[in-house]
N, C-alpha and C. Protein backbone atom coordinates (compact mmCIF):
# COMPACT_ATOMS: atom_id res chain seq x y z
N MET A 1 156.66 -100.65 2.17
CA MET A 1 155.52 -99.80 1.79
C MET A 1 154.99 -100.39 0.90
N SER A 2 153.62 -100.33 1.09
CA SER A 2 152.33 -100.60 0.06
C SER A 2 151.93 -99.08 -0.54
N SER A 3 151.46 -99.35 -2.01
CA SER A 3 151.05 -97.81 -2.50
C SER A 3 150.06 -97.52 -1.45
N GLU A 4 149.22 -97.87 -0.90
CA GLU A 4 148.23 -97.74 -0.18
C GLU A 4 149.02 -96.97 1.24
N GLN A 5 149.64 -97.54 1.74
CA GLN A 5 150.30 -97.05 2.95
C GLN A 5 150.94 -95.60 2.77
N TYR A 6 151.83 -95.84 1.61
CA TYR A 6 152.39 -94.36 1.03
C TYR A 6 151.11 -93.38 0.69
N TRP A 7 150.34 -93.77 0.05
CA TRP A 7 149.09 -92.71 -0.31
C TRP A 7 148.70 -91.90 1.22
N ARG A 8 148.56 -92.76 2.09
CA ARG A 8 148.03 -92.37 3.21
C ARG A 8 149.09 -91.42 4.07
N TYR A 9 150.74 -92.05 4.09
CA TYR A 9 151.51 -91.34 4.31
C TYR A 9 151.65 -89.32 3.68
N SER A 10 151.13 -89.87 2.70
CA SER A 10 151.74 -88.65 1.57
C SER A 10 150.66 -87.35 2.14
N MET A 11 149.08 -88.18 2.39
CA MET A 11 148.18 -87.44 2.67
C MET A 11 148.47 -86.85 4.18
N TYR A 12 148.84 -87.49 4.85
CA TYR A 12 149.17 -87.28 6.13
C TYR A 12 150.04 -85.76 6.38
N LEU A 13 151.02 -86.18 5.55
CA LEU A 13 152.31 -84.98 5.54
C LEU A 13 151.66 -84.01 4.58
N GLY A 14 150.72 -84.04 3.69
CA GLY A 14 150.08 -82.77 3.41
C GLY A 14 149.65 -81.81 4.18
N ASP A 15 148.24 -82.75 5.24
CA ASP A 15 147.45 -82.01 6.14
C ASP A 15 148.79 -81.40 6.76
N TRP A 16 149.62 -81.86 7.29
CA TRP A 16 151.00 -81.14 8.50
C TRP A 16 151.05 -80.10 7.47
N LEU A 17 151.28 -80.25 6.17
CA LEU A 17 152.02 -79.20 5.74
C LEU A 17 151.13 -78.09 5.28
N ILE A 18 149.77 -78.04 5.11
CA ILE A 18 148.51 -76.99 5.11
C ILE A 18 148.55 -76.39 6.96
N LEU A 19 148.38 -76.94 7.46
CA LEU A 19 148.75 -76.55 8.72
C LEU A 19 149.36 -75.93 9.32
N ILE A 20 151.10 -75.79 8.92
CA ILE A 20 151.99 -74.98 9.33
C ILE A 20 152.12 -73.71 8.37
N ILE A 21 151.22 -73.72 7.55
CA ILE A 21 151.38 -72.67 5.98
C ILE A 21 149.79 -71.81 6.71
N ILE A 22 149.12 -72.41 7.33
CA ILE A 22 148.09 -71.52 7.57
C ILE A 22 148.44 -70.92 9.31
N VAL A 23 149.42 -71.54 10.20
CA VAL A 23 149.99 -70.86 10.76
C VAL A 23 150.65 -69.91 10.63
N LEU A 24 151.80 -70.10 9.89
CA LEU A 24 152.69 -69.16 9.58
C LEU A 24 152.14 -67.78 8.99
N LEU A 25 151.16 -68.13 8.21
CA LEU A 25 150.24 -66.92 7.41
C LEU A 25 149.49 -66.08 8.93
N THR A 26 148.94 -66.90 9.44
CA THR A 26 148.13 -66.32 10.33
C THR A 26 149.46 -65.51 11.37
N LEU A 27 150.52 -66.04 11.68
CA LEU A 27 151.59 -65.15 12.62
C LEU A 27 151.89 -64.09 11.83
N LEU A 28 152.07 -63.82 10.70
CA LEU A 28 152.46 -63.02 9.71
C LEU A 28 151.32 -61.88 9.50
N GLY A 29 150.21 -62.25 9.50
CA GLY A 29 148.92 -61.12 9.56
C GLY A 29 149.15 -60.70 11.09
N VAL A 30 149.68 -61.16 11.99
CA VAL A 30 149.61 -60.71 13.18
C VAL A 30 150.64 -59.96 13.69
N PHE A 31 151.68 -60.10 12.91
CA PHE A 31 152.62 -59.46 13.21
C PHE A 31 153.09 -57.95 12.21
N SER A 32 152.22 -58.19 10.88
CA SER A 32 151.97 -56.98 9.99
C SER A 32 151.26 -56.26 10.87
N PHE A 33 150.07 -56.78 11.34
CA PHE A 33 149.02 -55.60 12.22
C PHE A 33 149.23 -55.28 13.53
N THR A 34 150.43 -56.07 14.22
CA THR A 34 151.18 -54.99 15.11
C THR A 34 151.97 -53.85 14.85
N LEU A 35 152.44 -54.33 13.62
CA LEU A 35 153.18 -53.30 12.97
C LEU A 35 152.64 -52.05 12.59
N PHE A 36 151.66 -52.00 11.57
CA PHE A 36 150.71 -51.57 11.73
C PHE A 36 150.35 -50.33 12.24
N MET A 37 149.91 -50.90 13.66
CA MET A 37 149.05 -49.90 14.43
C MET A 37 150.24 -49.57 15.35
N ARG A 38 151.50 -49.94 15.54
CA ARG A 38 152.67 -49.04 15.99
C ARG A 38 152.43 -47.91 15.62
N ARG A 39 152.55 -48.34 14.20
CA ARG A 39 152.85 -46.97 13.08
C ARG A 39 152.24 -46.06 13.30
N MET A 40 150.82 -46.51 13.30
CA MET A 40 149.71 -45.54 13.52
C MET A 40 149.74 -44.61 14.78
N VAL A 41 149.40 -45.32 15.96
CA VAL A 41 149.74 -44.74 17.28
C VAL A 41 150.84 -43.90 17.34
N SER A 42 152.15 -44.26 16.69
CA SER A 42 153.23 -43.32 16.90
C SER A 42 152.96 -41.52 15.91
N ARG A 43 152.45 -42.24 14.59
CA ARG A 43 151.56 -40.88 13.82
C ARG A 43 151.27 -40.07 14.64
N SER A 44 149.89 -40.59 15.50
CA SER A 44 149.22 -39.96 16.24
C SER A 44 149.61 -39.45 17.60
N ALA A 45 150.68 -39.62 18.19
CA ALA A 45 151.16 -38.91 19.00
C ALA A 45 152.08 -38.09 18.11
N ALA A 46 152.85 -37.93 17.29
CA ALA A 46 153.49 -37.19 16.95
C ALA A 46 152.69 -35.93 16.36
N SER A 47 151.60 -36.29 15.50
CA SER A 47 150.74 -35.71 15.59
C SER A 47 150.00 -34.29 16.52
N TYR A 48 149.72 -35.19 17.53
CA TYR A 48 149.29 -34.74 18.73
C TYR A 48 150.06 -33.76 19.24
N SER A 49 151.17 -34.01 19.30
CA SER A 49 152.02 -32.84 19.97
C SER A 49 152.51 -31.78 18.96
N SER A 50 152.68 -32.17 17.73
CA SER A 50 152.77 -30.83 17.01
C SER A 50 151.41 -30.16 16.81
N ASP A 51 149.95 -30.53 17.15
CA ASP A 51 148.61 -30.04 17.55
C ASP A 51 149.20 -28.83 19.14
N GLN A 52 149.76 -29.54 19.75
CA GLN A 52 150.14 -28.97 20.75
C GLN A 52 150.90 -27.72 20.91
N GLU A 53 152.01 -27.93 20.06
CA GLU A 53 152.85 -27.09 19.81
C GLU A 53 152.39 -25.75 18.96
N LEU A 54 151.30 -26.13 18.15
CA LEU A 54 150.57 -24.98 17.11
C LEU A 54 149.67 -24.51 18.03
N HIS A 55 148.68 -24.90 18.93
CA HIS A 55 147.84 -24.14 19.84
C HIS A 55 148.52 -23.44 20.65
N ALA A 56 149.76 -23.87 21.51
CA ALA A 56 151.02 -22.66 21.95
C ALA A 56 151.55 -21.66 21.20
N LYS A 57 151.59 -21.97 20.00
CA LYS A 57 152.11 -20.69 18.90
C LYS A 57 150.72 -19.59 19.12
N LEU A 58 149.66 -20.73 18.63
CA LEU A 58 148.75 -19.85 18.51
C LEU A 58 147.85 -18.59 19.67
N ASP A 59 148.31 -19.62 20.55
CA ASP A 59 147.59 -18.90 21.92
C ASP A 59 148.83 -17.49 22.26
N GLU A 60 150.00 -17.88 21.97
CA GLU A 60 150.78 -16.39 22.29
C GLU A 60 150.57 -15.50 21.24
N ILE A 61 150.55 -15.65 20.03
CA ILE A 61 149.95 -14.84 18.84
C ILE A 61 148.76 -13.69 19.42
N ILE A 62 147.79 -14.84 19.78
CA ILE A 62 146.53 -14.09 20.36
C ILE A 62 146.68 -13.12 21.36
N ARG A 63 147.40 -13.52 22.28
CA ARG A 63 147.74 -12.87 23.69
C ARG A 63 148.74 -11.44 23.41
N LEU A 64 149.37 -11.47 22.08
CA LEU A 64 150.46 -10.58 21.84
C LEU A 64 149.19 -9.63 20.75
N LEU A 65 148.13 -9.87 20.30
CA LEU A 65 147.45 -9.38 19.68
C LEU A 65 146.67 -8.12 20.51
N LYS A 66 146.10 -9.17 21.64
CA LYS A 66 145.25 -8.23 22.59
C LYS A 66 146.39 -6.99 23.60
N LYS A 67 147.51 -7.62 23.78
CA LYS A 67 148.34 -6.48 24.07
C LYS A 67 148.31 -5.13 23.55
N LEU A 68 148.89 -5.80 21.89
CA LEU A 68 148.84 -4.54 20.99
C LEU A 68 147.58 -3.87 21.17
N GLU A 69 146.87 -4.57 21.19
CA GLU A 69 145.04 -3.64 20.76
C GLU A 69 145.25 -2.47 22.62
N LYS A 70 145.48 -3.37 23.50
CA LYS A 70 145.54 -2.54 24.97
C LYS A 70 146.21 -1.57 24.92
N ASP A 71 147.43 -1.71 24.16
CA ASP A 71 148.82 -0.44 23.73
C ASP A 71 148.06 0.78 23.17
N GLU A 72 147.04 0.16 22.20
CA GLU A 72 146.69 1.78 21.32
C GLU A 72 145.90 2.79 21.88
């Protein structure tokens, strides 16, 4: 293998390595974004259910206060 062939071969390997690194970084970015979105969705769902519980408790308090007003 002459030095010119070796240089071409190493350039070819370098191009493949760069391509593989770009693909791996892209996959890592997609994976981390997916995990981030899952966390955000689960947090908002938990927040929504706790908001519903809070509204139910507030409705109960309002109902009891109205009942007390009527009794007086």
